[in-house]
């Protein structure tokens, strides 16, 4: 048995560069080229863009899918820790899926096993336990976790999210004479802001193809503007995807939230905040998250009385994302995915829509480890009293 495949996968907030991983698990005939036409693989990009290639190797995009036959150490998790749904062994794993939040395991039949390792909590948890891992990973996940995916043949060019996942097929660019290469490859940074964001949005979203059969866009090409002709975003009434206030509940929903943000209206896109060829921080932001915010919002004051959003009884915080990017989503553990509307989810939202229970409707304040058990009503009063104090001091809110 052989795996005549080369693959490349997509995950997380920015995109770019590539690397070629030829899969051949069970030694028979050598692997044959596969995937969509025009894709050449990361190795071809490396010839000229060696520095970008080197830094890209340290990103989540570069490592999201790994071939165990090439890199056995890719398998993580505490395999000595018992778990009822982990009825497979390391020797049964052919591909690993994930390197930071969680890791799932794929067998030679393209099935995802019903047990995943959660890195933050250092525990095993179930994944699609009801189906027992029978779903075909190629149909449900591959488009966004490989580069050069061909829907007709269910093959691809390379594993993980490489250059061509964000820049499009590179064959014309590679074959062109150096003086004639301009315009032969897509550069998202040079596109209108909404077209650039669509590059990320092709995968950092949740929904269905227009015919409802696939979980990824159909007919979309890098450089296009992503519309309902390609993909229909999951409806806000879907309780599995959204909290009552419309905040993210699951993972990979950054794009639809961003579209509903003031950032989108101002032309601030994914790559304004996130690095794509390197991973300077855990969240692939260009610098520490708070520093990213104040690089634009330079006049925000952190004075404990007259500053931005004062709270009585507490020194003014300086953590922008703690309030404006509430921990409402879930990749592996609740709260490891943040809101991308950049609106504060105030405690009264929990009171009005969740009956005062953050488990039924999270908010920014209870998402902080310091206030996990604080009643939302008490947190709301602190915010209101802070606003009153500022008004008394400045004569304005």
Protein backbone atom coordinates (compact mmCIF):
# COMPACT_ATOMS: atom_id res chain seq x y z
CA UNK A 1 0.00 0.00 0.00
CA UNK A 2 1.29 3.47 -0.74
CA UNK A 3 0.30 7.03 -0.27
CA UNK A 4 0.75 8.69 -3.67
CA UNK A 5 0.40 12.03 -2.12
CA UNK A 6 2.15 15.25 -1.37
CA UNK A 7 0.30 17.55 0.95
CA UNK A 8 0.11 20.98 2.56
CA UNK A 9 -2.35 22.26 5.18
CA UNK A 10 -3.95 25.47 6.41
CA UNK A 11 -4.76 26.55 9.88
CA UNK A 12 -4.76 29.77 11.73
CA UNK A 13 -4.60 33.38 11.24
CA UNK A 14 -2.27 34.53 8.19
CA UNK A 15 -0.89 32.39 5.40
CA UNK A 16 2.05 31.90 3.07
CA UNK A 17 5.21 29.84 2.21
CA UNK A 18 5.44 26.10 1.64
CA UNK A 19 7.39 22.92 2.02
CA UNK A 20 7.20 19.63 0.23
CA UNK A 21 6.46 16.52 2.16
CA UNK A 22 6.10 13.37 0.06
CA UNK A 23 4.12 10.72 1.88
CA UNK A 24 5.00 7.10 1.42
CA UNK A 25 3.93 5.08 4.41
CA UNK A 26 3.87 1.46 3.44
CA UNK A 27 6.67 1.14 0.94
CA UNK A 28 5.64 -0.05 -2.48
CA UNK A 29 5.75 2.05 -5.62
CA UNK A 30 7.25 5.55 -5.25
CA UNK A 31 4.74 8.39 -4.71
CA UNK A 32 3.40 10.11 -7.81
CA UNK A 33 2.72 13.86 -8.20
CA UNK A 34 -0.79 14.86 -7.24
CA UNK A 35 -2.91 17.89 -6.56
CA UNK A 36 -4.36 20.75 -8.57
CA UNK A 37 -2.71 21.98 -11.75
CA UNK A 38 -0.15 24.75 -11.58
CA UNK A 39 1.11 24.13 -8.05
CA UNK A 40 4.86 23.60 -7.70
CA UNK A 41 5.43 23.27 -3.96
CA UNK A 42 7.43 25.13 -1.36
CA UNK A 43 10.80 23.81 -2.42
CA UNK A 44 10.47 25.78 -5.65
CA UNK A 45 9.78 28.97 -3.68
CA UNK A 46 12.74 28.34 -1.40
CA UNK A 47 15.15 28.72 -4.30
CA UNK A 48 14.65 32.51 -4.28
CA UNK A 49 12.88 33.17 -0.97
CA UNK A 50 15.16 31.24 1.37
CA UNK A 51 14.87 33.63 4.34
CA UNK A 52 11.07 33.62 4.20
CA UNK A 53 11.11 29.85 3.86
CA UNK A 54 13.32 29.50 6.95
CA UNK A 55 11.09 31.68 9.15
CA UNK A 56 7.89 30.12 7.78
CA UNK A 57 9.06 26.72 9.00
CA UNK A 58 8.48 27.89 12.56
CA UNK A 59 4.82 28.78 11.99
CA UNK A 60 1.71 26.78 12.83
CA UNK A 61 0.81 26.79 9.15
CA UNK A 62 3.99 24.93 8.28
CA UNK A 63 3.45 22.22 10.89
CA UNK A 64 -0.29 21.77 11.15
CA UNK A 65 -0.20 18.46 9.27
CA UNK A 66 2.82 16.20 9.61
CA UNK A 67 3.72 12.88 8.03
CA UNK A 68 4.66 10.47 10.79
CA UNK A 69 6.75 8.32 8.45
CA UNK A 70 8.96 11.39 7.90
CA UNK A 71 8.81 12.80 11.42
CA UNK A 72 7.77 10.24 14.08
CA UNK A 73 8.35 12.78 16.86
CA UNK A 74 5.41 14.79 15.52
CA UNK A 75 3.12 12.57 17.59
CA UNK A 76 2.56 14.33 20.90
CA UNK A 77 0.37 13.61 23.91
CA UNK A 78 0.74 11.52 27.05
CA UNK A 79 0.18 8.01 25.76
CA UNK A 80 0.59 6.62 29.25
CA UNK A 81 -2.51 8.54 30.34
CA UNK A 82 -5.55 6.25 29.99
CA UNK A 83 -8.51 7.41 27.90
CA UNK A 84 -11.50 5.30 26.98
CA UNK A 85 -11.81 6.52 23.39
CA UNK A 86 -8.13 6.15 22.49
CA UNK A 87 -8.25 2.60 21.21
CA UNK A 88 -5.45 3.12 18.68
CA UNK A 89 -1.69 3.12 19.11
CA UNK A 90 1.10 5.31 17.77
CA UNK A 91 1.88 2.74 15.09
CA UNK A 92 -1.63 3.25 13.69
CA UNK A 93 -1.10 6.98 13.07
CA UNK A 94 -0.08 8.20 9.60
CA UNK A 95 -0.66 11.95 9.89
CA UNK A 96 -0.88 14.30 12.84
CA UNK A 97 -3.26 17.27 12.70
CA UNK A 98 -2.36 20.18 15.00
CA UNK A 99 0.65 21.35 16.99
CA UNK A 100 -0.48 23.98 19.50
CA UNK A 101 -4.07 23.86 20.72
CA UNK A 102 -4.91 20.25 20.04
CA UNK A 103 -3.63 17.30 18.04
CA UNK A 104 -5.73 14.81 16.13
CA UNK A 105 -4.61 11.59 14.48
CA UNK A 106 -5.34 10.29 10.99
CA UNK A 107 -4.97 6.68 9.82
CA UNK A 108 -4.12 5.22 6.42
CA UNK A 109 -7.81 5.18 5.46
CA UNK A 110 -8.02 8.96 5.94
CA UNK A 111 -10.13 8.56 9.07
CA UNK A 112 -9.65 10.84 12.09
CA UNK A 113 -9.48 8.83 15.31
CA UNK A 114 -12.06 9.76 18.01
CA UNK A 115 -9.46 10.92 20.54
CA UNK A 116 -7.43 14.12 20.51
CA UNK A 117 -4.68 15.52 22.74
CA UNK A 118 -5.41 18.96 24.24
CA UNK A 119 -2.16 20.84 24.85
CA UNK A 120 -3.42 23.52 27.26
CA UNK A 121 -5.06 21.11 29.69
CA UNK A 122 -2.63 18.22 29.05
CA UNK A 123 -5.49 15.76 28.74
CA UNK A 124 -7.19 13.58 26.16
CA UNK A 125 -10.68 14.41 24.96
CA UNK A 126 -13.14 12.90 22.52
CA UNK A 127 -13.55 13.96 18.90
CA UNK A 128 -16.62 12.85 16.94
CA UNK A 129 -16.94 9.95 19.33
CA UNK A 130 -20.45 9.15 18.05
CA UNK A 131 -19.09 8.31 14.57
CA UNK A 132 -16.01 6.51 15.87
CA UNK A 133 -13.63 8.24 13.47
CA UNK A 134 -15.26 7.01 10.25
CA UNK A 135 -15.46 10.40 8.48
CA UNK A 136 -13.19 10.96 5.49
CA UNK A 137 -10.65 13.64 6.47
CA UNK A 138 -10.08 14.50 2.81
CA UNK A 139 -13.68 15.61 2.35
CA UNK A 140 -14.18 17.42 5.65
CA UNK A 141 -10.77 18.92 6.42
CA UNK A 142 -8.19 18.65 3.66
CA UNK A 143 -9.04 21.79 1.67
CA UNK A 144 -7.92 24.03 4.52
CA UNK A 145 -5.04 21.91 5.71
CA UNK A 146 -3.21 21.12 2.49
CA UNK A 147 -1.92 23.16 -0.42
CA UNK A 148 -3.04 22.56 -3.99
CA UNK A 149 -6.13 20.51 -3.16
CA UNK A 150 -7.90 18.87 -6.10
CA UNK A 151 -11.55 18.18 -5.26
CA UNK A 152 -12.04 15.73 -8.12
CA UNK A 153 -9.15 13.42 -7.28
CA UNK A 154 -9.03 14.17 -3.53
CA UNK A 155 -5.28 14.73 -3.78
CA UNK A 156 -3.01 17.68 -3.10
CA UNK A 157 0.46 19.05 -3.70
CA UNK A 158 1.88 19.14 -0.18
CA UNK A 159 1.02 18.89 3.49
CA UNK A 160 0.37 21.93 5.66
CA UNK A 161 -0.28 25.53 4.63
CA UNK A 162 2.41 26.58 2.21
CA UNK A 163 3.19 29.57 0.01
CA UNK A 164 0.70 28.71 -2.71
CA UNK A 165 -2.17 28.40 -0.23
CA UNK A 166 -2.03 32.20 0.04
CA UNK A 167 -0.24 33.21 -3.15
CA UNK A 168 -1.96 30.85 -5.58
CA UNK A 169 -0.38 28.40 -8.06
CA UNK A 170 3.27 29.25 -8.62
CA UNK A 171 4.05 27.51 -11.90
CA UNK A 172 3.86 30.67 -14.06
CA UNK A 173 5.95 32.60 -11.55
CA UNK A 174 8.66 29.95 -11.33
CA UNK A 175 8.90 29.48 -15.10
CA UNK A 176 8.90 33.17 -15.98
CA UNK A 177 12.12 35.01 -16.71
CA UNK A 178 13.25 37.10 -13.71
CA UNK A 179 12.46 40.36 -15.51
CA UNK A 180 8.96 39.14 -16.38
CA UNK A 181 7.82 37.72 -13.05
CA UNK A 182 5.80 40.74 -11.95
CA UNK A 183 2.11 39.90 -12.08
CA UNK A 184 2.67 36.14 -12.31
CA UNK A 185 1.84 35.44 -8.65
CA UNK A 186 -0.70 36.86 -6.21
CA UNK A 187 0.59 39.03 -3.38
CA UNK A 188 -2.24 39.43 -0.82
CA UNK A 189 -0.49 42.44 0.73
CA UNK A 190 -0.92 44.30 -2.58
CA UNK A 191 -4.64 43.51 -2.92
CA UNK A 192 -7.56 45.72 -1.83
CA UNK A 193 -8.13 45.09 1.87
CA UNK A 194 -11.27 42.95 1.50
CA UNK A 195 -9.67 40.80 -1.18
CA UNK A 196 -6.62 40.32 1.04
CA UNK A 197 -8.81 39.31 3.98
CA UNK A 198 -10.60 36.81 1.73
CA UNK A 199 -7.30 34.95 1.41
CA UNK A 200 -7.47 34.19 5.12
CA UNK A 201 -11.26 33.96 5.06
CA UNK A 202 -11.28 31.01 2.68
CA UNK A 203 -10.41 28.85 5.70
CA UNK A 204 -10.81 30.90 8.88
CA UNK A 205 -14.57 30.61 8.63
CA UNK A 206 -17.34 28.11 9.20
CA UNK A 207 -20.24 27.18 6.94
CA UNK A 208 -20.98 25.28 3.73
CA UNK A 209 -20.47 25.43 -0.01
CA UNK A 210 -23.49 26.91 -1.86
CA UNK A 211 -24.91 23.44 -2.51
CA UNK A 212 -24.50 22.52 1.16
CA UNK A 213 -22.34 19.48 0.44
CA UNK A 214 -18.86 20.67 1.42
CA UNK A 215 -17.36 22.48 4.42
CA UNK A 216 -15.13 24.74 2.32
CA UNK A 217 -15.46 27.32 -0.48
CA UNK A 218 -16.00 26.06 -4.02
CA UNK A 219 -14.61 27.90 -7.03
CA UNK A 220 -12.60 30.33 -4.94
CA UNK A 221 -9.13 31.28 -6.17
CA UNK A 222 -6.57 33.27 -4.23
CA UNK A 223 -7.02 36.87 -5.34
CA UNK A 224 -10.82 36.58 -5.56
CA UNK A 225 -13.25 38.36 -3.27
CA UNK A 226 -14.95 35.67 -1.17
CA UNK A 227 -18.74 35.77 -1.64
CA UNK A 228 -21.79 33.56 -1.16
CA UNK A 229 -21.14 32.24 -4.65
CA UNK A 230 -18.18 30.41 -3.08
CA UNK A 231 -19.28 29.83 0.50
CA UNK A 232 -22.24 30.43 2.84
CA UNK A 233 -21.20 31.38 6.37
CA UNK A 234 -22.99 29.57 9.20
CA UNK A 235 -26.11 31.46 10.27
CA UNK A 236 -26.02 33.48 13.50
CA UNK A 237 -29.03 31.47 14.67
CA UNK A 238 -26.88 28.34 14.78
CA UNK A 239 -26.45 27.75 18.53
CA UNK A 240 -23.54 25.38 18.02
CA UNK A 241 -21.49 28.12 16.33
CA UNK A 242 -22.57 31.32 18.11
CA UNK A 243 -23.46 32.47 21.62
CA UNK A 244 -26.79 34.31 22.08
CA UNK A 245 -25.10 37.71 21.59
CA UNK A 246 -23.47 36.54 18.34
CA UNK A 247 -19.98 35.99 19.77
CA UNK A 248 -17.87 33.11 18.48
CA UNK A 249 -18.52 29.74 20.13
CA UNK A 250 -16.37 27.37 18.09
CA UNK A 251 -13.02 27.76 16.34
CA UNK A 252 -12.03 29.06 12.86
CA UNK A 253 -14.71 31.75 12.81
CA UNK A 254 -12.41 34.77 12.76
CA UNK A 255 -13.34 35.93 9.26
CA UNK A 256 -17.12 36.30 9.69
CA UNK A 257 -16.55 38.09 13.00
CA UNK A 258 -14.00 40.42 11.42
CA UNK A 259 -16.46 41.30 8.65
CA UNK A 260 -18.84 42.51 11.36
CA UNK A 261 -16.18 44.68 13.02
CA UNK A 262 -15.21 48.35 12.85
CA UNK A 263 -11.75 47.13 11.84
CA UNK A 264 -13.22 45.76 8.62
CA UNK A 265 -14.99 49.03 7.91
CA UNK A 266 -11.70 50.89 8.44
CA UNK A 267 -9.71 48.54 6.20
CA UNK A 268 -7.75 46.95 9.06
CA UNK A 269 -7.22 43.34 8.01
CA UNK A 270 -5.77 40.10 9.33
CA UNK A 271 -2.26 40.89 8.11
CA UNK A 272 -2.35 44.30 9.77
CA UNK A 273 -2.07 42.49 13.10
CA UNK A 274 -0.78 39.02 12.21
CA UNK A 275 2.54 37.94 10.75
CA UNK A 276 2.28 35.36 7.99
CA UNK A 277 5.86 34.32 7.25
CA UNK A 278 6.91 33.95 10.88
CA UNK A 279 5.45 33.42 14.35
CA UNK A 280 6.78 36.13 16.70
CA UNK A 281 4.12 35.26 19.33
CA UNK A 282 1.84 32.40 20.27
CA UNK A 283 -0.97 34.00 18.29
CA UNK A 284 1.26 34.93 15.34
CA UNK A 285 0.75 38.63 16.03
CA UNK A 286 3.46 40.94 14.73
CA UNK A 287 4.41 41.80 18.30
CA UNK A 288 2.85 41.32 21.76
CA UNK A 289 -0.94 41.63 21.29
CA UNK A 290 -1.29 44.73 23.46
CA UNK A 291 1.52 46.45 21.57
CA UNK A 292 -0.21 45.70 18.29
CA UNK A 293 -3.28 47.56 19.52
CA UNK A 294 -1.50 50.65 20.86
CA UNK A 295 0.57 50.94 17.69
CA UNK A 296 -2.63 52.33 16.13
CA UNK A 297 -4.64 53.40 19.18
CA UNK A 298 -1.88 55.69 20.40
CA UNK A 299 -4.04 58.13 22.40
CA UNK A 300 -5.70 55.59 24.69
CA UNK A 301 -5.10 56.55 28.33
CA UNK A 302 -4.71 53.95 31.08
CA UNK A 303 -5.28 56.39 33.96
CA UNK A 304 -7.25 54.59 36.69
CA UNK A 305 -9.86 57.37 36.95
CA UNK A 306 -9.86 59.46 33.79
CA UNK A 307 -8.57 56.87 31.36
CA UNK A 308 -10.14 54.38 29.01
CA UNK A 309 -12.92 52.33 30.67
CA UNK A 310 -12.07 52.90 34.37
CA UNK A 311 -13.27 50.29 36.85
CA UNK A 312 -13.76 51.22 40.48
CA UNK A 313 -11.65 49.38 43.01
CA UNK A 314 -9.09 48.29 40.43
CA UNK A 315 -5.99 49.88 38.92
CA UNK A 316 -6.55 50.50 35.23
CA UNK A 317 -5.63 47.46 33.17
CA UNK A 318 -3.48 47.83 30.06
CA UNK A 319 -4.52 44.58 28.39
CA UNK A 320 -6.57 45.57 25.33
CA UNK A 321 -7.40 42.03 24.22
CA UNK A 322 -8.65 41.01 27.67
CA UNK A 323 -11.72 43.23 27.18
CA UNK A 324 -11.96 43.73 23.42
CA UNK A 325 -11.25 40.11 22.45
CA UNK A 326 -13.27 38.10 24.95
CA UNK A 327 -12.36 34.44 25.43
CA UNK A 328 -15.64 32.96 24.18
CA UNK A 329 -14.57 30.42 21.55
CA UNK A 330 -13.23 26.91 21.80
CA UNK A 331 -10.62 25.04 19.82
CA UNK A 332 -9.56 22.54 22.46
CA UNK A 333 -10.57 24.27 25.70
CA UNK A 334 -13.22 26.93 26.24
CA UNK A 335 -11.66 30.37 25.97
CA UNK A 336 -8.68 29.51 23.76
CA UNK A 337 -10.38 31.27 20.82
CA UNK A 338 -11.04 35.01 21.11
CA UNK A 339 -13.72 37.30 19.70
CA UNK A 340 -12.67 39.09 16.50
CA UNK A 341 -15.38 41.76 16.43
CA UNK A 342 -13.17 43.66 18.91
CA UNK A 343 -16.23 44.74 20.86
CA UNK A 344 -16.28 44.39 24.64
CA UNK A 345 -18.76 41.73 25.75
CA UNK A 346 -20.07 43.48 28.84
CA UNK A 347 -21.43 41.68 31.94
CA UNK A 348 -24.99 42.87 31.27
CA UNK A 349 -24.98 40.66 28.16
CA UNK A 350 -24.59 37.66 30.45
CA UNK A 351 -27.32 38.97 32.72
CA UNK A 352 -29.78 39.63 29.87
CA UNK A 353 -29.04 36.66 27.56
CA UNK A 354 -27.59 34.06 29.91
CA UNK A 355 -29.64 34.57 33.05
CA UNK A 356 -26.47 35.72 34.82
CA UNK A 357 -24.64 32.48 34.01
CA UNK A 358 -21.34 32.92 32.06
CA UNK A 359 -21.62 29.27 30.99
CA UNK A 360 -24.75 30.19 29.02
CA UNK A 361 -23.43 33.53 27.73
CA UNK A 362 -19.77 34.47 28.38
CA UNK A 363 -18.50 38.02 28.81
CA UNK A 364 -15.11 39.72 28.76
CA UNK A 365 -14.86 40.22 32.53
CA UNK A 366 -15.65 36.68 33.67
CA UNK A 367 -13.22 35.42 31.03
CA UNK A 368 -10.36 36.80 33.13
CA UNK A 369 -8.93 34.24 35.57
CA UNK A 370 -9.20 36.82 38.39
CA UNK A 371 -12.96 37.22 37.91
CA UNK A 372 -13.97 33.69 36.93
CA UNK A 373 -16.36 33.30 39.87
CA UNK A 374 -17.34 36.97 40.35
CA UNK A 375 -21.09 37.53 39.81
CA UNK A 376 -21.66 39.46 36.55
CA UNK A 377 -23.88 41.94 38.42
CA UNK A 378 -20.96 42.90 40.67
CA UNK A 379 -18.66 43.34 37.68
CA UNK A 380 -21.25 45.50 35.92
CA UNK A 381 -21.60 47.74 38.98
CA UNK A 382 -17.81 48.24 39.09
CA UNK A 383 -17.85 49.35 35.45
CA UNK A 384 -20.82 51.69 35.97
CA UNK A 385 -19.29 53.20 39.12
CA UNK A 386 -16.02 53.75 37.25
CA UNK A 387 -17.87 55.63 34.51
CA UNK A 388 -19.62 57.78 37.14
CA UNK A 389 -16.29 58.61 38.80
CA UNK A 390 -14.77 59.66 35.51
CA UNK A 391 -17.80 61.81 34.72
CA UNK A 392 -17.56 63.48 38.12
CA UNK A 393 -13.89 64.21 37.49
CA UNK A 394 -13.97 65.25 33.83
CA UNK A 395 -17.57 66.31 33.36
CA UNK A 396 -17.92 63.76 30.55
CA UNK A 397 -18.07 60.03 30.09
